[in-house]
Amino acid sequence: MFHLKSLASSIRVIGQRSLENGFHTSAACSSVFMKRQKKIDPEIAKVREIRKRKKLEREIREMQKHSKKVKPVDEIALDIKSAKNIHERTRKQVTLTEQQADERTLIAKEYCRSRNTQMRHDDQWIRQALYMQKKALAELKTLSPHLYEEAVKNDLGNLPHIIDGPALTSPVKNYDPPDGDYVDTTRTWT
């Protein structure tokens, strides 16, 4: 501790002496690598400044031109391999004769009719089943109210009720799922 105090006081004394003598030393001024700046003709400096400004303006224009480009969409972009044989992969426009067009229209109408008929039959069958059930319950109610109450009561034994919720345990480490992992390959655009 005593050594540090004496060292600090000697540094203070040396610093005061250098200020009293009137000289000042700095590492930056006495560097070997520092160059003196040459005086340049103002016209030449002005021309250089104009060139720099034009170059920067040109670069800014180029950046603005490229910034307006739309993000590429992979589904729309056509790769070179597919573009070379595109004539082989395009189908020719098929022109149907009037008879073929009429046939297709008749087939579509017949299909719609059959679906409509099937829907009406299913609806009628469901309505008839519900009507018969109500009629049977009404008759049962008049014959035996006790049996009616038993018939109307919900029977949970016939319908197994099993619910599997999320587990409260943490996931198993190093588990290899059977279907593989999901790897997000979506590209981000900044």
N, C-alpha and C. Protein backbone atom coordinates (compact mmCIF):
# COMPACT_ATOMS: atom_id res chain seq x y z
N MET A 1 0.82 -1.19 0.00
CA MET A 1 0.00 0.00 0.00
C MET A 1 0.87 1.25 0.00
N PHE A 2 1.93 1.22 0.84
CA PHE A 2 2.84 2.36 0.93
C PHE A 2 3.55 2.58 -0.40
N HIS A 3 3.88 1.47 -1.06
CA HIS A 3 4.58 1.53 -2.35
C HIS A 3 3.72 2.22 -3.41
N LEU A 4 2.42 1.91 -3.42
CA LEU A 4 1.52 2.52 -4.39
C LEU A 4 1.38 4.02 -4.18
N LYS A 5 1.35 4.45 -2.90
CA LYS A 5 1.23 5.88 -2.63
C LYS A 5 2.46 6.64 -3.11
N SER A 6 3.62 6.11 -2.87
CA SER A 6 4.85 6.80 -3.29
C SER A 6 4.95 6.83 -4.81
N LEU A 7 4.52 5.77 -5.45
CA LEU A 7 4.55 5.72 -6.91
C LEU A 7 3.60 6.76 -7.50
N ALA A 8 2.40 6.89 -6.93
CA ALA A 8 1.43 7.87 -7.42
C ALA A 8 1.94 9.28 -7.23
N SER A 9 2.59 9.58 -6.10
CA SER A 9 3.10 10.94 -5.88
C SER A 9 4.24 11.26 -6.83
N SER A 10 5.07 10.28 -7.17
CA SER A 10 6.17 10.55 -8.10
C SER A 10 5.63 10.80 -9.51
N ILE A 11 4.54 10.12 -9.90
CA ILE A 11 3.94 10.35 -11.22
C ILE A 11 3.36 11.75 -11.27
N ARG A 12 2.74 12.19 -10.19
CA ARG A 12 2.16 13.52 -10.15
C ARG A 12 3.26 14.58 -10.29
N VAL A 13 4.37 14.36 -9.64
CA VAL A 13 5.48 15.33 -9.71
C VAL A 13 6.03 15.39 -11.13
N ILE A 14 6.21 14.25 -11.78
CA ILE A 14 6.74 14.23 -13.15
C ILE A 14 5.79 14.95 -14.08
N GLY A 15 4.49 14.73 -13.91
CA GLY A 15 3.50 15.39 -14.75
C GLY A 15 3.52 16.89 -14.58
N GLN A 16 3.72 17.36 -13.36
CA GLN A 16 3.76 18.80 -13.12
C GLN A 16 5.00 19.42 -13.75
N ARG A 17 6.13 18.75 -13.68
CA ARG A 17 7.36 19.28 -14.25
C ARG A 17 7.24 19.44 -15.76
N SER A 18 6.59 18.43 -16.44
CA SER A 18 6.47 18.53 -17.89
C SER A 18 5.58 19.70 -18.29
N LEU A 19 4.56 20.00 -17.48
CA LEU A 19 3.71 21.14 -17.78
C LEU A 19 4.46 22.45 -17.51
N GLU A 20 5.31 22.45 -16.49
CA GLU A 20 6.06 23.67 -16.18
C GLU A 20 7.06 23.99 -17.27
N ASN A 21 7.68 22.99 -17.84
CA ASN A 21 8.69 23.20 -18.88
C ASN A 21 8.05 23.68 -20.18
N GLY A 22 6.75 23.44 -20.36
CA GLY A 22 6.06 23.96 -21.52
C GLY A 22 6.08 23.08 -22.74
N PHE A 23 6.42 21.84 -22.64
CA PHE A 23 6.34 20.96 -23.80
C PHE A 23 5.27 19.91 -23.56
N HIS A 24 4.75 19.44 -24.66
CA HIS A 24 3.63 18.51 -24.61
C HIS A 24 3.92 17.40 -25.59
N THR A 25 3.75 16.16 -25.17
CA THR A 25 4.00 15.03 -26.07
C THR A 25 2.70 14.28 -26.31
N SER A 26 2.52 13.85 -27.54
CA SER A 26 1.34 13.08 -27.89
C SER A 26 1.75 12.02 -28.88
N ALA A 27 1.18 10.82 -28.75
CA ALA A 27 1.55 9.70 -29.61
C ALA A 27 1.04 9.92 -31.03
N ALA A 28 -0.09 10.57 -31.19
CA ALA A 28 -0.69 10.74 -32.51
C ALA A 28 0.11 11.70 -33.38
N CYS A 29 0.63 12.76 -32.81
CA CYS A 29 1.35 13.75 -33.61
C CYS A 29 2.70 13.25 -34.07
N SER A 30 3.33 12.41 -33.25
CA SER A 30 4.67 11.96 -33.60
C SER A 30 4.67 10.62 -34.30
N SER A 31 3.53 10.17 -34.79
CA SER A 31 3.46 8.89 -35.45
C SER A 31 4.16 8.93 -36.80
N VAL A 32 4.82 7.84 -37.14
CA VAL A 32 5.54 7.75 -38.40
C VAL A 32 4.56 7.66 -39.56
N PHE A 33 3.37 7.09 -39.32
CA PHE A 33 2.42 6.83 -40.39
C PHE A 33 1.54 8.02 -40.74
N MET A 34 1.60 9.06 -39.99
CA MET A 34 0.79 10.23 -40.28
C MET A 34 1.35 10.97 -41.49
N LYS A 35 0.48 11.33 -42.43
CA LYS A 35 0.90 12.06 -43.63
C LYS A 35 0.44 13.49 -43.52
N ARG A 36 1.21 14.32 -44.07
CA ARG A 36 0.77 15.71 -44.17
C ARG A 36 -0.18 15.81 -45.34
N GLN A 37 -1.22 16.58 -45.13
CA GLN A 37 -2.18 16.76 -46.22
C GLN A 37 -1.66 17.81 -47.18
N LYS A 38 -1.73 17.44 -48.46
CA LYS A 38 -1.28 18.38 -49.48
C LYS A 38 -2.40 19.36 -49.78
N LYS A 39 -2.04 20.54 -50.13
CA LYS A 39 -3.04 21.52 -50.51
C LYS A 39 -3.51 21.20 -51.92
N ILE A 40 -4.85 21.15 -52.08
CA ILE A 40 -5.44 20.79 -53.37
C ILE A 40 -6.12 22.02 -53.94
N ASP A 41 -6.01 22.13 -55.27
CA ASP A 41 -6.67 23.23 -55.96
C ASP A 41 -8.18 23.11 -55.72
N PRO A 42 -8.88 24.19 -55.35
CA PRO A 42 -10.32 24.11 -55.06
C PRO A 42 -11.14 23.59 -56.23
N GLU A 43 -10.74 23.88 -57.46
CA GLU A 43 -11.48 23.38 -58.64
C GLU A 43 -11.40 21.87 -58.73
N ILE A 44 -10.20 21.31 -58.49
CA ILE A 44 -10.02 19.86 -58.55
C ILE A 44 -10.84 19.19 -57.44
N ALA A 45 -10.83 19.78 -56.24
CA ALA A 45 -11.60 19.24 -55.13
C ALA A 45 -13.09 19.26 -55.45
N LYS A 46 -13.53 20.34 -56.10
CA LYS A 46 -14.95 20.45 -56.45
C LYS A 46 -15.34 19.37 -57.47
N VAL A 47 -14.48 19.14 -58.47
CA VAL A 47 -14.75 18.11 -59.49
C VAL A 47 -14.81 16.74 -58.84
N ARG A 48 -13.87 16.46 -57.92
CA ARG A 48 -13.87 15.16 -57.23
C ARG A 48 -15.16 14.98 -56.42
N GLU A 49 -15.57 16.02 -55.74
CA GLU A 49 -16.79 15.98 -54.95
C GLU A 49 -18.02 15.70 -55.83
N ILE A 50 -18.07 16.34 -57.00
CA ILE A 50 -19.18 16.13 -57.95
C ILE A 50 -19.19 14.68 -58.43
N ARG A 51 -17.98 14.14 -58.74
CA ARG A 51 -17.89 12.74 -59.19
C ARG A 51 -18.40 11.79 -58.11
N LYS A 52 -17.98 12.02 -56.86
CA LYS A 52 -18.43 11.16 -55.76
C LYS A 52 -19.94 11.23 -55.61
N ARG A 53 -20.49 12.44 -55.68
CA ARG A 53 -21.92 12.62 -55.53
C ARG A 53 -22.68 11.88 -56.65
N LYS A 54 -22.20 12.01 -57.91
CA LYS A 54 -22.86 11.32 -59.04
C LYS A 54 -22.81 9.81 -58.87
N LYS A 55 -21.65 9.32 -58.41
CA LYS A 55 -21.50 7.88 -58.21
C LYS A 55 -22.49 7.39 -57.14
N LEU A 56 -22.60 8.12 -56.04
CA LEU A 56 -23.54 7.74 -55.00
C LEU A 56 -24.98 7.80 -55.49
N GLU A 57 -25.32 8.83 -56.26
CA GLU A 57 -26.68 8.93 -56.80
C GLU A 57 -26.99 7.75 -57.72
N ARG A 58 -26.01 7.37 -58.54
CA ARG A 58 -26.18 6.23 -59.44
C ARG A 58 -26.42 4.94 -58.64
N GLU A 59 -25.63 4.74 -57.58
CA GLU A 59 -25.81 3.55 -56.75
C GLU A 59 -27.17 3.55 -56.07
N ILE A 60 -27.62 4.71 -55.62
CA ILE A 60 -28.95 4.81 -54.99
C ILE A 60 -30.04 4.46 -55.99
N ARG A 61 -29.90 4.97 -57.24
CA ARG A 61 -30.90 4.64 -58.27
C ARG A 61 -30.93 3.14 -58.54
N GLU A 62 -29.76 2.49 -58.60
CA GLU A 62 -29.70 1.05 -58.84
C GLU A 62 -30.37 0.28 -57.69
N MET A 63 -30.10 0.72 -56.46
CA MET A 63 -30.71 0.05 -55.31
C MET A 63 -32.22 0.21 -55.32
N GLN A 64 -32.71 1.39 -55.70
CA GLN A 64 -34.16 1.60 -55.77
C GLN A 64 -34.78 0.77 -56.87
N LYS A 65 -34.07 0.62 -57.99
CA LYS A 65 -34.58 -0.17 -59.10
C LYS A 65 -34.73 -1.64 -58.68
N HIS A 66 -33.73 -2.16 -57.95
CA HIS A 66 -33.78 -3.56 -57.52
C HIS A 66 -34.72 -3.77 -56.35
N SER A 67 -35.01 -2.72 -55.59
CA SER A 67 -35.89 -2.89 -54.45
C SER A 67 -37.34 -3.07 -54.88
N LYS A 68 -37.69 -2.69 -56.10
CA LYS A 68 -39.07 -2.82 -56.57
C LYS A 68 -39.38 -4.22 -57.07
N LYS A 69 -38.36 -5.08 -57.15
CA LYS A 69 -38.60 -6.43 -57.64
C LYS A 69 -39.47 -7.19 -56.65
N VAL A 70 -40.38 -8.00 -57.17
CA VAL A 70 -41.30 -8.75 -56.35
C VAL A 70 -40.60 -10.01 -55.86
N LYS A 71 -41.05 -10.51 -54.73
CA LYS A 71 -40.49 -11.74 -54.21
C LYS A 71 -40.84 -12.88 -55.17
N PRO A 72 -39.89 -13.75 -55.47
CA PRO A 72 -40.21 -14.85 -56.39
C PRO A 72 -41.12 -15.88 -55.72
N VAL A 73 -42.06 -16.39 -56.47
CA VAL A 73 -42.97 -17.41 -55.98
C VAL A 73 -42.56 -18.72 -56.62
N ASP A 74 -42.21 -19.70 -55.76
CA ASP A 74 -41.69 -20.97 -56.27
C ASP A 74 -42.70 -21.72 -57.11
N GLU A 75 -43.99 -21.57 -56.80
CA GLU A 75 -45.00 -22.31 -57.54
C GLU A 75 -45.17 -21.76 -58.96
N ILE A 76 -44.85 -20.48 -59.15
CA ILE A 76 -45.02 -19.87 -60.46
C ILE A 76 -43.74 -19.99 -61.29
N ALA A 77 -42.60 -19.92 -60.62
CA ALA A 77 -41.33 -19.96 -61.33
C ALA A 77 -41.16 -21.30 -62.03
N LEU A 78 -40.70 -21.26 -63.26
CA LEU A 78 -40.53 -22.46 -64.06
C LEU A 78 -39.04 -22.77 -64.16
N ASP A 79 -38.67 -23.98 -63.76
CA ASP A 79 -37.25 -24.32 -63.82
C ASP A 79 -36.82 -24.58 -65.26
N ILE A 80 -35.53 -24.50 -65.49
CA ILE A 80 -34.96 -24.58 -66.84
C ILE A 80 -35.25 -25.94 -67.47
N LYS A 81 -35.15 -27.01 -66.68
CA LYS A 81 -35.37 -28.35 -67.22
C LYS A 81 -36.80 -28.50 -67.76
N SER A 82 -37.76 -27.93 -67.02
CA SER A 82 -39.15 -28.02 -67.47
C SER A 82 -39.41 -27.09 -68.65
N ALA A 83 -38.71 -25.96 -68.68
CA ALA A 83 -38.93 -25.01 -69.76
C ALA A 83 -38.45 -25.55 -71.10
N LYS A 84 -37.43 -26.41 -71.08
CA LYS A 84 -36.89 -26.95 -72.34
C LYS A 84 -37.85 -27.91 -73.02
N ASN A 85 -38.59 -28.70 -72.23
CA ASN A 85 -39.50 -29.68 -72.84
C ASN A 85 -40.96 -29.32 -72.60
N ILE A 86 -41.26 -28.05 -72.57
CA ILE A 86 -42.64 -27.63 -72.28
C ILE A 86 -43.59 -28.02 -73.42
N HIS A 87 -43.09 -28.08 -74.63
CA HIS A 87 -43.96 -28.47 -75.75
C HIS A 87 -44.42 -29.92 -75.62
N GLU A 88 -43.63 -30.78 -74.96
CA GLU A 88 -44.03 -32.17 -74.77
C GLU A 88 -45.06 -32.31 -73.65
N ARG A 89 -45.07 -31.36 -72.74
CA ARG A 89 -45.92 -31.48 -71.57
C ARG A 89 -47.22 -30.70 -71.66
N THR A 90 -47.44 -29.96 -72.73
CA THR A 90 -48.69 -29.22 -72.87
C THR A 90 -49.69 -30.06 -73.66
N ARG A 91 -50.93 -30.00 -73.23
CA ARG A 91 -51.97 -30.74 -73.93
C ARG A 91 -52.61 -29.85 -74.98
N LYS A 92 -53.00 -30.47 -76.04
CA LYS A 92 -53.68 -29.72 -77.09
C LYS A 92 -55.13 -29.48 -76.67
N GLN A 93 -55.66 -28.37 -77.11
CA GLN A 93 -57.05 -28.03 -76.79
C GLN A 93 -57.97 -29.02 -77.49
N VAL A 94 -58.81 -29.69 -76.71
CA VAL A 94 -59.73 -30.68 -77.27
C VAL A 94 -61.03 -29.96 -77.62
N THR A 95 -61.41 -30.09 -78.88
CA THR A 95 -62.68 -29.50 -79.31
C THR A 95 -63.70 -30.63 -79.42
N LEU A 96 -64.77 -30.50 -78.68
CA LEU A 96 -65.81 -31.52 -78.68
C LEU A 96 -66.81 -31.24 -79.80
N THR A 97 -67.30 -32.33 -80.35
CA THR A 97 -68.36 -32.16 -81.33
C THR A 97 -69.66 -31.85 -80.57
N GLU A 98 -70.64 -31.42 -81.29
CA GLU A 98 -71.91 -31.05 -80.66
C GLU A 98 -72.56 -32.26 -80.01
N GLN A 99 -72.41 -33.41 -80.63
CA GLN A 99 -73.00 -34.64 -80.09
C GLN A 99 -72.31 -35.02 -78.78
N GLN A 100 -70.95 -34.92 -78.72
CA GLN A 100 -70.22 -35.25 -77.49
C GLN A 100 -70.57 -34.28 -76.36
N ALA A 101 -70.70 -33.00 -76.69
CA ALA A 101 -71.07 -32.01 -75.67
C ALA A 101 -72.47 -32.31 -75.12
N ASP A 102 -73.41 -32.68 -76.00
CA ASP A 102 -74.76 -33.03 -75.55
C ASP A 102 -74.74 -34.28 -74.67
N GLU A 103 -73.91 -35.27 -75.05
CA GLU A 103 -73.80 -36.50 -74.26
C GLU A 103 -73.30 -36.20 -72.85
N ARG A 104 -72.26 -35.38 -72.76
CA ARG A 104 -71.69 -35.02 -71.45
C ARG A 104 -72.71 -34.24 -70.61
N THR A 105 -73.46 -33.37 -71.24
CA THR A 105 -74.48 -32.62 -70.51
C THR A 105 -75.55 -33.56 -69.98
N LEU A 106 -75.99 -34.52 -70.81
CA LEU A 106 -77.00 -35.48 -70.37
C LEU A 106 -76.49 -36.35 -69.22
N ILE A 107 -75.22 -36.75 -69.29
CA ILE A 107 -74.63 -37.57 -68.22
C ILE A 107 -74.60 -36.78 -66.91
N ALA A 108 -74.19 -35.50 -66.98
CA ALA A 108 -74.14 -34.65 -65.78
C ALA A 108 -75.54 -34.47 -65.19
N LYS A 109 -76.53 -34.26 -66.05
CA LYS A 109 -77.91 -34.09 -65.56
C LYS A 109 -78.43 -35.37 -64.91
N GLU A 110 -78.13 -36.51 -65.52
CA GLU A 110 -78.57 -37.80 -64.97
C GLU A 110 -77.93 -38.05 -63.61
N TYR A 111 -76.67 -37.69 -63.47
CA TYR A 111 -75.98 -37.85 -62.19
C TYR A 111 -76.65 -36.98 -61.12
N CYS A 112 -76.94 -35.72 -61.47
CA CYS A 112 -77.60 -34.82 -60.52
C CYS A 112 -78.97 -35.37 -60.11
N ARG A 113 -79.71 -35.91 -61.07
CA ARG A 113 -81.02 -36.48 -60.75
C ARG A 113 -80.89 -37.66 -59.79
N SER A 114 -79.92 -38.55 -60.06
CA SER A 114 -79.76 -39.73 -59.20
C SER A 114 -79.36 -39.32 -57.78
N ARG A 115 -78.48 -38.34 -57.64
CA ARG A 115 -78.08 -37.85 -56.30
C ARG A 115 -79.28 -37.22 -55.58
N ASN A 116 -80.07 -36.47 -56.31
CA ASN A 116 -81.25 -35.83 -55.73
C ASN A 116 -82.25 -36.88 -55.25
N THR A 117 -82.47 -37.90 -56.05
CA THR A 117 -83.40 -38.97 -55.69
C THR A 117 -82.91 -39.71 -54.45
N GLN A 118 -81.60 -40.00 -54.41
CA GLN A 118 -81.03 -40.70 -53.26
C GLN A 118 -81.17 -39.84 -51.99
N MET A 119 -80.95 -38.53 -52.09
CA MET A 119 -81.07 -37.65 -50.94
C MET A 119 -82.52 -37.63 -50.43
N ARG A 120 -83.48 -37.57 -51.36
CA ARG A 120 -84.89 -37.56 -50.97
C ARG A 120 -85.29 -38.86 -50.28
N HIS A 121 -84.80 -40.01 -50.81
CA HIS A 121 -85.11 -41.30 -50.19
C HIS A 121 -84.50 -41.40 -48.79
N ASP A 122 -83.25 -40.94 -48.62
CA ASP A 122 -82.62 -40.96 -47.30
C ASP A 122 -83.38 -40.08 -46.32
N ASP A 123 -83.77 -38.90 -46.76
CA ASP A 123 -84.51 -37.97 -45.90
C ASP A 123 -85.85 -38.59 -45.49
N GLN A 124 -86.52 -39.20 -46.44
CA GLN A 124 -87.83 -39.83 -46.16
C GLN A 124 -87.65 -40.98 -45.17
N TRP A 125 -86.60 -41.78 -45.33
CA TRP A 125 -86.35 -42.92 -44.45
C TRP A 125 -86.09 -42.44 -43.02
N ILE A 126 -85.28 -41.33 -42.86
CA ILE A 126 -84.98 -40.79 -41.52
C ILE A 126 -86.25 -40.23 -40.88
N ARG A 127 -87.04 -39.49 -41.65
CA ARG A 127 -88.28 -38.93 -41.10
C ARG A 127 -89.25 -40.04 -40.67
N GLN A 128 -89.35 -41.09 -41.49
CA GLN A 128 -90.25 -42.20 -41.16
C GLN A 128 -89.78 -42.92 -39.90
N ALA A 129 -88.45 -43.10 -39.75
CA ALA A 129 -87.91 -43.77 -38.57
C ALA A 129 -88.20 -42.94 -37.31
N LEU A 130 -88.02 -41.61 -37.40
CA LEU A 130 -88.30 -40.74 -36.26
C LEU A 130 -89.80 -40.77 -35.91
N TYR A 131 -90.64 -40.78 -36.93
CA TYR A 131 -92.10 -40.81 -36.71
C TYR A 131 -92.50 -42.11 -36.02
N MET A 132 -91.96 -43.23 -36.49
CA MET A 132 -92.28 -44.54 -35.90
C MET A 132 -91.79 -44.61 -34.45
N GLN A 133 -90.61 -44.00 -34.18
CA GLN A 133 -90.08 -44.00 -32.81
C GLN A 133 -91.00 -43.20 -31.88
N LYS A 134 -91.43 -42.01 -32.35
CA LYS A 134 -92.34 -41.18 -31.52
C LYS A 134 -93.66 -41.92 -31.28
N LYS A 135 -94.18 -42.58 -32.32
CA LYS A 135 -95.45 -43.31 -32.20
C LYS A 135 -95.32 -44.45 -31.20
N ALA A 136 -94.17 -45.18 -31.26
CA ALA A 136 -93.96 -46.30 -30.33
C ALA A 136 -93.83 -45.80 -28.90
N LEU A 137 -93.11 -44.66 -28.72
CA LEU A 137 -92.96 -44.12 -27.36
C LEU A 137 -94.30 -43.64 -26.80
N ALA A 138 -95.10 -43.03 -27.67
CA ALA A 138 -96.42 -42.55 -27.21
C ALA A 138 -97.29 -43.73 -26.79
N GLU A 139 -97.25 -44.83 -27.53
CA GLU A 139 -98.05 -46.00 -27.19
C GLU A 139 -97.54 -46.66 -25.91
N LEU A 140 -96.17 -46.66 -25.75
CA LEU A 140 -95.58 -47.22 -24.54
C LEU A 140 -95.96 -46.39 -23.31
N LYS A 141 -96.05 -45.08 -23.49
CA LYS A 141 -96.40 -44.19 -22.38
C LYS A 141 -97.82 -44.47 -21.89
N THR A 142 -98.73 -44.76 -22.84
CA THR A 142 -100.12 -45.06 -22.43
C THR A 142 -100.21 -46.43 -21.76
N LEU A 143 -99.41 -47.39 -22.21
CA LEU A 143 -99.49 -48.74 -21.64
C LEU A 143 -98.79 -48.84 -20.29
N SER A 144 -97.53 -48.33 -20.22
CA SER A 144 -96.77 -48.46 -18.97
C SER A 144 -95.86 -47.24 -18.80
N PRO A 145 -96.22 -46.29 -17.95
CA PRO A 145 -95.37 -45.11 -17.72
C PRO A 145 -93.99 -45.45 -17.17
N HIS A 146 -93.89 -46.52 -16.37
CA HIS A 146 -92.59 -46.93 -15.82
C HIS A 146 -91.64 -47.37 -16.93
N LEU A 147 -92.14 -48.20 -17.85
CA LEU A 147 -91.30 -48.64 -18.98
C LEU A 147 -90.94 -47.47 -19.90
N TYR A 148 -91.85 -46.52 -20.04
CA TYR A 148 -91.57 -45.33 -20.85
C TYR A 148 -90.40 -44.53 -20.25
N GLU A 149 -90.40 -44.35 -18.92
CA GLU A 149 -89.30 -43.62 -18.26
C GLU A 149 -87.98 -44.34 -18.46
N GLU A 150 -88.00 -45.67 -18.38
CA GLU A 150 -86.78 -46.45 -18.59
C GLU A 150 -86.31 -46.35 -20.04
N ALA A 151 -87.23 -46.30 -20.99
CA ALA A 151 -86.87 -46.23 -22.40
C ALA A 151 -86.29 -44.86 -22.76
N VAL A 152 -86.80 -43.81 -22.12
CA VAL A 152 -86.35 -42.46 -22.43
C VAL A 152 -85.03 -42.13 -21.73
N LYS A 153 -84.74 -42.80 -20.61
CA LYS A 153 -83.53 -42.51 -19.83
C LYS A 153 -82.27 -42.83 -20.65
N ASN A 154 -81.24 -42.00 -20.50
CA ASN A 154 -79.97 -42.23 -21.21
C ASN A 154 -79.24 -43.41 -20.62
N ASP A 155 -78.73 -44.27 -21.48
CA ASP A 155 -77.97 -45.43 -21.04
C ASP A 155 -76.52 -45.21 -21.45
N LEU A 156 -75.70 -44.83 -20.47
CA LEU A 156 -74.29 -44.55 -20.78
C LEU A 156 -73.46 -45.82 -20.91
N GLY A 157 -74.01 -46.95 -20.53
CA GLY A 157 -73.28 -48.21 -20.65
C GLY A 157 -73.13 -48.65 -22.10
N ASN A 158 -74.10 -48.28 -22.93
CA ASN A 158 -74.04 -48.69 -24.34
C ASN A 158 -73.04 -47.86 -25.15
N LEU A 159 -72.82 -46.67 -24.69
CA LEU A 159 -71.87 -45.80 -25.41
C LEU A 159 -70.60 -45.65 -24.57
N PRO A 160 -69.53 -46.34 -24.91
CA PRO A 160 -68.30 -46.18 -24.12
C PRO A 160 -67.76 -44.76 -24.28
N HIS A 161 -67.42 -44.17 -23.16
CA HIS A 161 -66.98 -42.77 -23.16
C HIS A 161 -65.52 -42.73 -22.73
N ILE A 162 -64.60 -42.69 -23.69
CA ILE A 162 -63.18 -42.68 -23.38
C ILE A 162 -62.58 -41.40 -23.95
N ILE A 163 -61.92 -40.65 -23.09
CA ILE A 163 -61.28 -39.41 -23.54
C ILE A 163 -59.80 -39.47 -23.18
N ASP A 164 -58.96 -39.30 -24.17
CA ASP A 164 -57.52 -39.23 -23.95
C ASP A 164 -57.08 -37.80 -24.15
N GLY A 165 -56.70 -37.13 -23.10
CA GLY A 165 -56.27 -35.74 -23.18
C GLY A 165 -54.76 -35.64 -23.28
N PRO A 166 -54.25 -34.45 -23.23
CA PRO A 166 -52.80 -34.29 -23.27
C PRO A 166 -52.17 -34.82 -21.99
N ALA A 167 -51.00 -35.45 -22.12
CA ALA A 167 -50.31 -36.02 -20.97
C ALA A 167 -49.70 -34.91 -20.13
N LEU A 168 -49.61 -35.15 -18.83
CA LEU A 168 -49.04 -34.16 -17.93
C LEU A 168 -47.53 -34.34 -17.78
N THR A 169 -46.97 -35.34 -18.44
CA THR A 169 -45.53 -35.57 -18.33
C THR A 169 -44.80 -34.85 -19.44
N SER A 170 -43.51 -34.65 -19.24
CA SER A 170 -42.71 -33.98 -20.26
C SER A 170 -42.43 -34.94 -21.41
N PRO A 171 -42.08 -34.42 -22.60
CA PRO A 171 -41.83 -35.29 -23.74
C PRO A 171 -40.59 -36.16 -23.51
N VAL A 172 -40.58 -37.32 -24.14
CA VAL A 172 -39.47 -38.26 -24.01
C VAL A 172 -38.28 -37.73 -24.80
N LYS A 173 -37.11 -37.70 -24.15
CA LYS A 173 -35.91 -37.22 -24.84
C LYS A 173 -35.44 -38.25 -25.85
N ASN A 174 -34.87 -37.76 -26.95
CA ASN A 174 -34.33 -38.61 -28.04
C ASN A 174 -35.39 -39.55 -28.62
N TYR A 175 -36.64 -39.11 -28.64
CA TYR A 175 -37.71 -39.91 -29.21
C TYR A 175 -37.73 -39.71 -30.72
N ASP A 176 -37.69 -40.80 -31.45
CA ASP A 176 -37.73 -40.73 -32.91
C ASP A 176 -39.16 -41.01 -33.35
N PRO A 177 -39.91 -39.97 -33.77
CA PRO A 177 -41.31 -40.22 -34.16
C PRO A 177 -41.38 -41.09 -35.41
N PRO A 178 -42.42 -41.91 -35.52
CA PRO A 178 -42.51 -42.83 -36.65
C PRO A 178 -42.67 -42.14 -38.00
N ASP A 179 -43.33 -40.97 -38.03
CA ASP A 179 -43.55 -40.29 -39.30
C ASP A 179 -42.45 -39.30 -39.63
N GLY A 180 -41.48 -39.11 -38.77
CA GLY A 180 -40.40 -38.16 -39.03
C GLY A 180 -40.70 -36.81 -38.42
N ASP A 181 -39.76 -35.92 -38.53
CA ASP A 181 -39.88 -34.59 -37.95
C ASP A 181 -40.32 -33.60 -39.01
N TYR A 182 -40.94 -32.52 -38.55
CA TYR A 182 -41.34 -31.44 -39.45
C TYR A 182 -40.20 -30.44 -39.50
N VAL A 183 -39.68 -30.21 -40.69
CA VAL A 183 -38.61 -29.25 -40.86
C VAL A 183 -39.16 -28.10 -41.69
N ASP A 184 -39.17 -26.91 -41.12
CA ASP A 184 -39.70 -25.74 -41.81
C ASP A 184 -38.67 -25.25 -42.80
N THR A 185 -39.01 -25.29 -44.09
CA THR A 185 -38.08 -24.85 -45.13
C THR A 185 -38.55 -23.56 -45.78
N THR A 186 -39.42 -22.82 -45.10
CA THR A 186 -39.93 -21.58 -45.65
C THR A 186 -38.82 -20.55 -45.70
N ARG A 187 -38.64 -19.94 -46.87
CA ARG A 187 -37.62 -18.91 -47.00
C ARG A 187 -38.16 -17.59 -46.49
N THR A 188 -37.29 -16.85 -45.83
CA THR A 188 -37.70 -15.53 -45.34
C THR A 188 -37.05 -14.47 -46.21
N TRP A 189 -37.79 -13.41 -46.46
CA TRP A 189 -37.32 -12.31 -47.30
C TRP A 189 -37.22 -11.07 -46.45
N THR A 190 -36.04 -10.45 -46.46
CA THR A 190 -35.86 -9.24 -45.66
C THR A 190 -35.69 -8.04 -46.55
